[in-house]
Amino acid sequence: MTSNRLPIILIILAIVLVGLYSSIFVVNAREQAIVVRFGQIQSVKTEPGIYFKLPFGFMDADRVQLVEKQALRLDLDNIRVQVQDGQTFDVDAFVIYNISDVRRFRETVSGDREAAEARLRAQLDSSLRRVYGLRDYNAALSEERVAMMLEIRDDLRTDAENLGLHIDDVRIRRTDLSPEVAPNTYNAMRSERLAEAERIRAEGNEEGQRRRAIADRQVVELTAGAQRDAEILRGQGDAERNRVFAEVFSKDPAFFEFYRSMAAYSSSLSSQDTTLVLSPNSEFFRYFDNAAGTLQPANPAPVPGVPGTAAPTAPAQPAN
């Protein structure tokens, strides 16, 4: 009797073990779980751990759908966008997002990540075209690119929240001119840069001329001021010299006359080629061979061998 019950017990035990195994599910740190019972969301498990549900999934009973919890990336490549001035760009961008509201994610797209990304991709394409269309081609290649990425991110967040998603970041990886317009654009940019260089060069030349004019005017002013000061100092020196001469003359007029005559001799006879034709009795030579400064007699004493200095003939004696 006992041997007949053993298979039944084993079968019952096996059924219990299988039922227990099928009623347990594990959620790890990178996942979230949605428990669906008869098509309705029964519960959402966002924390890692071991959870229980109704065993088996027949007759549309409890089923567990696992969705990602970590950050996800969506890439959008080779999007042709047109800017305000008619130029076109080829743009590559990507979105970093996560599934923040699992219940809404299940309700809107049945927990299908591909369906959610398809809608998100369409929204990203539309936002890229709108943001680029409001700007010229210089904006896409300048520091304004950061503001453009933030604007696109804010555009996506509203639609993403309706899908149960949260947009963490939007990045534009590449912005290149399309091959059809690149040569003309490069030529236009080159012409603009050349014109800008000419403008800067002209402004530099103008500034250089202005600075040179200022420097020249300052040189003239400084030179004139220096000459004025020199004339003033020279006049003061002459006045001081005359004062000293006058003071010396008043103390010893004879010495002053002697000093002035010596200075005149030195100045007049400084060169060997100097020739003076003056009378020996001239006032100019009064100190030349007479320190006392007395004039020589009209008929100087005869000097042997010197013409014009013969002794005068004695007067004739009267005859007896």
Protein backbone atom coordinates (compact mmCIF):
# COMPACT_ATOMS: atom_id res chain seq x y z
CA MET A 1 0.00 0.00 0.00
CA THR A 2 2.83 2.33 0.87
CA SER A 3 4.69 1.44 -2.31
CA ASN A 4 1.62 2.38 -4.34
CA ARG A 5 1.45 5.83 -2.68
CA LEU A 6 5.12 6.70 -3.28
CA PRO A 7 4.78 7.64 -6.97
CA ILE A 8 1.80 9.80 -6.15
CA ILE A 9 3.70 11.58 -3.41
CA LEU A 10 6.63 12.13 -5.72
CA ILE A 11 4.34 13.53 -8.40
CA ILE A 12 2.67 15.84 -5.91
CA LEU A 13 6.06 16.95 -4.59
CA ALA A 14 7.27 17.60 -8.13
CA ILE A 15 4.18 19.64 -8.88
CA VAL A 16 4.68 21.66 -5.69
CA LEU A 17 8.35 22.30 -6.53
CA VAL A 18 7.56 23.32 -10.09
CA GLY A 19 4.76 25.59 -8.87
CA LEU A 20 7.06 27.15 -6.29
CA TYR A 21 9.80 27.65 -8.86
CA SER A 22 7.41 29.25 -11.34
CA SER A 23 6.03 31.60 -8.69
CA ILE A 24 9.47 33.07 -7.89
CA PHE A 25 11.24 35.65 -10.03
CA VAL A 26 14.45 37.59 -9.49
CA VAL A 27 15.04 41.25 -10.33
CA ASN A 28 18.68 42.35 -10.55
CA ALA A 29 20.10 45.86 -10.18
CA ARG A 30 19.98 46.57 -13.92
CA GLU A 31 16.32 45.62 -14.39
CA GLN A 32 12.78 46.53 -13.44
CA ALA A 33 9.88 44.10 -13.46
CA ILE A 34 6.21 44.50 -14.41
CA VAL A 35 3.80 41.84 -13.14
CA VAL A 36 0.82 41.55 -15.50
CA ARG A 37 -2.28 39.60 -14.50
CA PHE A 38 -4.96 39.03 -17.12
CA GLY A 39 -3.63 41.95 -19.20
CA GLN A 40 -3.62 44.38 -16.28
CA ILE A 41 -0.58 45.65 -14.45
CA GLN A 42 -0.59 44.01 -11.07
CA SER A 43 2.62 45.46 -9.64
CA VAL A 44 5.92 47.07 -10.56
CA LYS A 45 9.21 46.02 -9.01
CA THR A 46 11.98 48.62 -9.31
CA GLU A 47 14.29 47.39 -6.56
CA PRO A 48 16.53 44.32 -6.93
CA GLY A 49 15.46 41.20 -5.01
CA ILE A 50 13.39 37.98 -5.05
CA TYR A 51 9.66 38.35 -5.60
CA PHE A 52 6.60 36.06 -5.83
CA LYS A 53 3.72 35.84 -8.27
CA LEU A 54 1.00 33.39 -9.16
CA PRO A 55 2.55 30.22 -10.62
CA PHE A 56 2.42 29.44 -14.29
CA GLY A 57 1.33 31.82 -16.96
CA PHE A 58 -1.49 29.85 -18.56
CA MET A 59 -4.85 31.44 -19.10
CA ASP A 60 -3.15 34.86 -19.11
CA ALA A 61 -2.34 34.66 -15.40
CA ASP A 62 0.64 36.44 -13.81
CA ARG A 63 3.44 37.15 -16.24
CA VAL A 64 6.63 39.08 -15.58
CA GLN A 65 8.06 41.54 -18.09
CA LEU A 66 11.61 42.75 -17.44
CA VAL A 67 12.73 46.16 -18.71
CA GLU A 68 16.08 47.92 -18.54
CA LYS A 69 16.85 50.20 -15.63
CA GLN A 70 20.25 51.58 -16.68
CA ALA A 71 20.89 54.48 -19.03
CA LEU A 72 20.20 53.70 -22.69
CA ARG A 73 21.46 55.30 -25.87
CA LEU A 74 19.65 56.08 -29.11
CA ASP A 75 21.71 57.14 -32.16
CA LEU A 76 20.44 59.12 -35.12
CA ASP A 77 22.86 59.37 -38.05
CA ASN A 78 23.06 61.24 -41.37
CA ILE A 79 20.11 63.57 -40.86
CA ARG A 80 19.95 66.26 -43.56
CA VAL A 81 18.88 69.57 -42.00
CA GLN A 82 18.56 73.03 -43.53
CA VAL A 83 19.58 76.22 -41.74
CA GLN A 84 18.08 79.68 -41.99
CA ASP A 85 20.14 80.91 -44.95
CA GLY A 86 19.42 77.83 -47.07
CA GLN A 87 22.60 75.86 -46.39
CA THR A 88 22.27 72.16 -45.53
CA PHE A 89 24.11 70.06 -42.98
CA ASP A 90 24.55 66.36 -42.37
CA VAL A 91 24.07 65.82 -38.64
CA ASP A 92 24.77 62.87 -36.33
CA ALA A 93 23.24 62.97 -32.84
CA PHE A 94 22.44 60.66 -29.97
CA VAL A 95 20.17 60.65 -26.93
CA ILE A 96 20.87 59.25 -23.47
CA TYR A 97 17.65 58.21 -21.75
CA ASN A 98 16.26 55.82 -19.15
CA ILE A 99 12.89 54.21 -18.45
CA SER A 100 11.76 56.27 -15.48
CA ASP A 101 8.04 55.34 -15.33
CA VAL A 102 7.66 51.60 -15.95
CA ARG A 103 3.87 51.61 -15.59
CA ARG A 104 3.40 54.32 -18.22
CA PHE A 105 5.99 52.63 -20.43
CA ARG A 106 3.88 49.47 -20.35
CA GLU A 107 0.62 51.29 -20.93
CA THR A 108 1.77 53.39 -23.92
CA VAL A 109 4.02 51.05 -25.89
CA SER A 110 3.31 47.72 -24.14
CA GLY A 111 6.81 47.78 -22.73
CA ASP A 112 8.31 47.56 -26.24
CA ARG A 113 11.62 49.39 -26.29
CA GLU A 114 11.85 49.39 -30.09
CA ALA A 115 8.43 51.03 -30.40
CA ALA A 116 9.42 53.67 -27.85
CA GLU A 117 12.70 54.39 -29.65
CA ALA A 118 10.89 54.70 -32.97
CA ARG A 119 8.71 57.46 -31.56
CA LEU A 120 11.69 59.06 -29.84
CA ARG A 121 13.71 58.96 -33.08
CA ALA A 122 10.93 60.73 -34.97
CA GLN A 123 10.73 63.41 -32.29
CA LEU A 124 14.52 63.88 -32.33
CA ASP A 125 14.53 64.25 -36.11
CA SER A 126 11.79 66.89 -35.94
CA SER A 127 13.51 68.80 -33.13
CA LEU A 128 16.86 68.83 -34.95
CA ARG A 129 15.25 70.28 -38.07
CA ARG A 130 13.39 72.94 -36.09
CA VAL A 131 16.41 74.07 -34.02
CA TYR A 132 18.76 74.21 -37.01
CA GLY A 133 16.14 75.95 -39.14
CA LEU A 134 16.00 78.88 -36.71
CA ARG A 135 19.73 79.63 -37.07
CA ASP A 136 22.31 80.35 -39.73
CA TYR A 137 25.21 78.04 -40.55
CA ASN A 138 27.64 79.98 -38.33
CA ALA A 139 25.62 79.14 -35.22
CA ALA A 140 25.98 75.39 -35.77
CA LEU A 141 29.76 75.75 -35.89
CA SER A 142 30.12 78.09 -32.93
CA GLU A 143 29.71 78.00 -29.16
CA GLU A 144 25.95 78.31 -29.66
CA ARG A 145 25.97 74.58 -30.40
CA VAL A 146 25.74 73.86 -26.65
CA ALA A 147 22.57 75.95 -26.37
CA MET A 148 21.16 74.10 -29.39
CA MET A 149 21.70 70.71 -27.72
CA LEU A 150 19.98 71.91 -24.56
CA GLU A 151 17.04 73.19 -26.58
CA ILE A 152 16.68 69.86 -28.37
CA ARG A 153 16.84 68.02 -25.03
CA ASP A 154 14.05 70.17 -23.60
CA ASP A 155 11.97 69.55 -26.73
CA LEU A 156 12.25 65.79 -26.32
CA ARG A 157 11.49 65.63 -22.64
CA THR A 158 7.76 66.36 -22.92
CA ASP A 159 7.11 63.61 -25.47
CA ALA A 160 9.48 61.23 -23.69
CA GLU A 161 7.63 61.64 -20.40
CA ASN A 162 4.44 60.53 -22.14
CA LEU A 163 6.27 57.30 -22.99
CA GLY A 164 7.56 56.82 -19.45
CA LEU A 165 11.08 57.86 -20.45
CA HIS A 166 13.42 60.50 -19.06
CA ILE A 167 15.92 62.28 -21.35
CA ASP A 168 19.25 62.68 -19.58
CA ASP A 169 21.23 64.30 -22.37
CA VAL A 170 21.32 65.07 -26.10
CA ARG A 171 24.60 65.36 -27.98
CA ILE A 172 25.38 66.41 -31.55
CA ARG A 173 28.33 64.29 -32.63
CA ARG A 174 28.86 65.67 -36.12
CA THR A 175 27.78 68.71 -38.11
CA ASP A 176 29.17 68.72 -41.64
CA LEU A 177 28.20 70.67 -44.69
CA SER A 178 26.54 68.51 -47.29
CA PRO A 179 28.80 67.65 -50.25
CA GLU A 180 26.61 69.65 -52.66
CA VAL A 181 27.09 72.98 -50.93
CA ALA A 182 30.43 72.53 -49.17
CA PRO A 183 32.66 74.09 -51.92
CA ASN A 184 30.50 77.19 -52.32
CA THR A 185 30.21 77.59 -48.57
CA TYR A 186 33.94 77.23 -48.08
CA ASN A 187 34.58 79.85 -50.77
CA ALA A 188 32.08 82.18 -49.17
CA MET A 189 33.64 81.67 -45.77
CA ARG A 190 37.09 82.27 -47.25
CA SER A 191 35.91 85.52 -48.84
CA GLU A 192 34.39 86.63 -45.55
CA ARG A 193 37.61 85.83 -43.68
CA LEU A 194 39.68 87.72 -46.25
CA ALA A 195 37.36 90.71 -45.99
CA GLU A 196 37.58 90.53 -42.22
CA ALA A 197 41.38 90.36 -42.43
CA GLU A 198 41.45 93.42 -44.70
CA ARG A 199 39.18 95.30 -42.32
CA ILE A 200 41.38 94.43 -39.35
CA ARG A 201 44.51 95.34 -41.33
CA ALA A 202 42.99 98.71 -42.32
CA GLU A 203 42.00 99.40 -38.74
CA GLY A 204 45.54 98.49 -37.67
CA ASN A 205 47.06 100.85 -40.22
CA GLU A 206 44.71 103.63 -39.15
CA GLU A 207 45.58 103.04 -35.51
CA GLY A 208 49.29 102.95 -36.39
CA GLN A 209 49.07 106.27 -38.22
CA ARG A 210 47.16 107.79 -35.33
CA ARG A 211 49.76 106.63 -32.84
CA ARG A 212 52.63 107.81 -35.05
CA ALA A 213 50.98 111.24 -35.36
CA ILE A 214 50.62 111.41 -31.59
CA ALA A 215 54.27 110.38 -31.18
CA ASP A 216 55.45 112.96 -33.76
CA ARG A 217 53.44 115.69 -32.05
CA GLN A 218 54.90 114.70 -28.69
CA VAL A 219 58.42 114.78 -30.19
CA VAL A 220 57.81 118.29 -31.52
CA GLU A 221 56.37 119.41 -28.21
CA LEU A 222 59.22 117.88 -26.22
CA THR A 223 61.85 119.33 -28.59
CA ALA A 224 60.28 122.77 -28.46
CA GLY A 225 60.06 122.56 -24.68
CA ALA A 226 63.69 121.45 -24.46
CA GLN A 227 64.82 124.27 -26.76
CA ARG A 228 62.81 126.77 -24.75
CA ASP A 229 64.36 125.54 -21.51
CA ALA A 230 67.82 125.59 -23.13
CA GLU A 231 67.37 129.20 -24.26
CA ILE A 232 66.17 130.15 -20.82
CA LEU A 233 69.14 128.44 -19.18
CA ARG A 234 71.52 129.90 -21.76
CA GLY A 235 70.17 133.39 -21.09
CA GLN A 236 70.47 132.82 -17.35
CA GLY A 237 74.07 131.62 -17.87
CA ASP A 238 74.93 134.65 -19.97
CA ALA A 239 73.40 136.91 -17.38
CA GLU A 240 75.37 135.20 -14.64
CA ARG A 241 78.55 135.44 -16.73
CA ASN A 242 78.02 139.16 -17.33
CA ARG A 243 77.33 139.64 -13.66
CA VAL A 244 80.57 137.87 -12.73
CA PHE A 245 82.50 139.90 -15.34
CA ALA A 246 80.96 143.11 -14.07
CA GLU A 247 81.82 142.18 -10.50
CA VAL A 248 85.41 141.35 -11.46
CA PHE A 249 85.73 144.56 -13.51
CA SER A 250 84.53 146.60 -10.60
CA LYS A 251 87.10 145.01 -8.29
CA ASP A 252 90.15 145.26 -10.59
CA PRO A 253 89.55 146.98 -13.94
CA ALA A 254 93.22 146.66 -14.98
CA PHE A 255 93.27 142.93 -14.48
CA PHE A 256 89.94 142.59 -16.28
CA GLU A 257 91.30 144.51 -19.29
CA PHE A 258 94.43 142.33 -19.24
CA TYR A 259 92.31 139.13 -19.09
CA ARG A 260 90.08 140.25 -21.94
CA SER A 261 93.11 141.11 -24.08
CA MET A 262 94.69 137.70 -23.43
CA ALA A 263 91.44 136.02 -24.41
CA ALA A 264 91.32 138.09 -27.59
CA TYR A 265 94.94 137.13 -28.42
CA SER A 266 94.15 133.45 -27.87
CA SER A 267 91.04 133.60 -30.03
CA SER A 268 92.62 135.62 -32.85
CA LEU A 269 95.95 133.78 -33.06
CA SER A 270 94.63 130.24 -32.52
CA SER A 271 95.36 129.19 -36.12
CA GLN A 272 98.77 129.28 -37.85
CA ASP A 273 97.10 130.68 -40.98
CA THR A 274 95.89 133.81 -39.20
CA THR A 275 97.32 137.07 -40.55
CA LEU A 276 96.74 140.39 -38.84
CA VAL A 277 97.70 143.66 -40.53
CA LEU A 278 97.71 146.22 -37.76
CA SER A 279 99.88 149.10 -36.65
CA PRO A 280 102.35 148.20 -33.87
CA ASN A 281 100.88 151.10 -31.93
CA SER A 282 97.36 149.65 -32.25
CA GLU A 283 95.22 149.43 -29.13
CA PHE A 284 94.88 145.71 -29.82
CA PHE A 285 98.57 145.08 -29.04
CA ARG A 286 98.80 147.18 -25.94
CA TYR A 287 99.50 144.05 -23.78
CA PHE A 288 101.33 142.07 -26.43
CA ASP A 289 104.85 142.90 -25.23
CA ASN A 290 104.06 145.22 -22.35
CA ALA A 291 102.37 143.73 -19.31
CA ALA A 292 101.64 147.20 -17.99
CA GLY A 293 99.47 147.90 -20.99
CA THR A 294 101.11 151.24 -21.90
CA LEU A 295 101.21 152.08 -25.58
CA GLN A 296 104.51 152.00 -27.46
CA PRO A 297 106.00 155.30 -28.67
CA ALA A 298 105.40 156.34 -32.22
CA ASN A 299 109.09 155.80 -33.16
CA PRO A 300 110.23 152.76 -31.31
CA ALA A 301 113.89 152.14 -30.50
CA PRO A 302 115.87 150.76 -33.38
CA VAL A 303 116.13 147.06 -33.52
CA PRO A 304 119.10 145.83 -35.49
CA GLY A 305 118.06 143.94 -38.60
CA VAL A 306 114.43 145.04 -38.44
CA PRO A 307 113.40 147.42 -41.21
CA GLY A 308 111.69 150.62 -40.18
CA THR A 309 113.38 150.79 -36.76
CA ALA A 310 116.54 152.77 -37.73
CA ALA A 311 117.69 155.33 -35.25
CA PRO A 312 116.62 158.86 -36.05
CA THR A 313 119.20 161.21 -37.52
CA ALA A 314 120.59 163.70 -35.01
CA PRO A 315 119.84 167.31 -35.75
CA ALA A 316 122.60 169.21 -37.49
CA GLN A 317 124.80 171.47 -35.40
CA PRO A 318 124.96 175.08 -36.47
CA ALA A 319 128.19 176.15 -38.14
CA ASN A 320 130.61 178.39 -36.44
